[in-house]
């Protein structure tokens, strides 16, 4: 079962990547949330996967997606809100 977690993590990475690309191109905020949830689930699944290249790819890919998903929300909340 652990051997398949890495593959599921990579699949969730691609789901998140496609959701982010469509969200940024078409400005649909719901897809950003879907992409963040998919990459978060993929990151957690990659933590429990067997130690092979799928685990590394899942951790790195989903980690990068999470950074790009969380960073715009933090900037929007902290810096673009006025008093």
Protein backbone atom coordinates (compact mmCIF):
# COMPACT_ATOMS: atom_id res chain seq x y z
CA UNK A 1 0.00 0.00 0.00
CA UNK A 2 2.84 2.39 0.78
CA UNK A 3 4.25 1.91 -2.70
CA UNK A 4 1.07 3.31 -4.24
CA UNK A 5 1.00 6.40 -2.00
CA UNK A 6 3.84 7.97 -3.98
CA UNK A 7 1.95 7.48 -7.23
CA UNK A 8 -1.24 8.95 -5.74
CA UNK A 9 0.82 11.90 -4.50
CA UNK A 10 2.13 12.55 -8.00
CA UNK A 11 -1.38 12.32 -9.44
CA UNK A 12 -2.58 14.86 -6.85
CA UNK A 13 0.36 17.06 -7.81
CA UNK A 14 -0.82 17.14 -11.42
CA UNK A 15 -4.42 17.77 -10.34
CA UNK A 16 -3.25 20.70 -8.23
CA UNK A 17 -0.99 22.00 -10.99
CA UNK A 18 -3.79 21.95 -13.56
CA UNK A 19 -6.19 23.58 -11.08
CA UNK A 20 -3.67 26.36 -10.36
CA UNK A 21 -2.98 27.00 -14.03
CA UNK A 22 -6.67 27.22 -14.89
CA UNK A 23 -7.33 29.37 -11.82
CA UNK A 24 -4.61 31.85 -12.72
CA UNK A 25 -5.57 31.99 -16.40
CA UNK A 26 -9.32 32.27 -15.93
CA UNK A 27 -9.29 33.99 -12.49
CA UNK A 28 -11.45 31.42 -10.72
CA UNK A 29 -10.71 31.51 -7.01
CA UNK A 30 -12.47 28.23 -6.23
CA UNK A 31 -9.90 26.36 -8.27
CA UNK A 32 -7.13 27.85 -6.12
CA UNK A 33 -8.71 26.26 -3.07
CA UNK A 34 -9.13 22.93 -4.90
CA UNK A 35 -5.48 23.05 -5.98
CA UNK A 36 -4.31 23.87 -2.47
CA UNK A 37 -6.31 20.99 -0.99
CA UNK A 38 -5.03 18.57 -3.66
CA UNK A 39 -1.41 19.57 -3.17
CA UNK A 40 -1.79 19.46 0.62
CA UNK A 41 -3.20 15.95 0.47
CA UNK A 42 -0.45 14.95 -1.96
CA UNK A 43 2.21 16.35 0.36
CA UNK A 44 0.86 14.40 3.33
CA UNK A 45 0.60 11.20 1.28
CA UNK A 46 4.18 11.66 0.07
CA UNK A 47 5.35 11.83 3.68
CA UNK A 48 4.01 8.31 4.27
CA UNK A 49 5.15 6.82 0.94
CA UNK A 50 8.07 4.44 0.54
CA UNK A 51 11.49 5.95 0.06
CA UNK A 52 11.89 6.09 -3.68
CA UNK A 53 11.78 8.69 -6.43
CA UNK A 54 7.99 9.01 -6.24
CA UNK A 55 8.27 10.19 -2.64
CA UNK A 56 10.87 12.81 -3.57
CA UNK A 57 8.88 14.00 -6.56
CA UNK A 58 5.69 14.18 -4.52
CA UNK A 59 7.31 16.11 -1.68
CA UNK A 60 9.12 18.60 -3.91
CA UNK A 61 6.28 19.14 -6.39
CA UNK A 62 3.50 19.45 -3.85
CA UNK A 63 5.69 21.56 -1.58
CA UNK A 64 6.32 24.05 -4.36
CA UNK A 65 2.62 24.16 -5.19
CA UNK A 66 1.77 24.76 -1.56
CA UNK A 67 4.23 27.64 -1.39
CA UNK A 68 2.71 29.23 -4.49
CA UNK A 69 -0.80 28.61 -3.16
CA UNK A 70 -0.27 29.95 0.33
CA UNK A 71 1.96 32.93 -0.55
CA UNK A 72 -0.67 34.89 -2.58
CA UNK A 73 -3.23 34.46 0.20
CA UNK A 74 -0.77 35.74 2.83
CA UNK A 75 0.19 38.73 0.69
CA UNK A 76 -3.44 39.53 -0.03
CA UNK A 77 -4.46 39.29 3.61
CA UNK A 78 -1.49 41.09 5.15
CA UNK A 79 -0.53 43.74 2.61
CA UNK A 80 -3.52 44.48 0.38
CA UNK A 81 -6.04 45.15 3.10
CA UNK A 82 -6.41 48.71 4.24
CA UNK A 83 -7.45 50.06 7.62
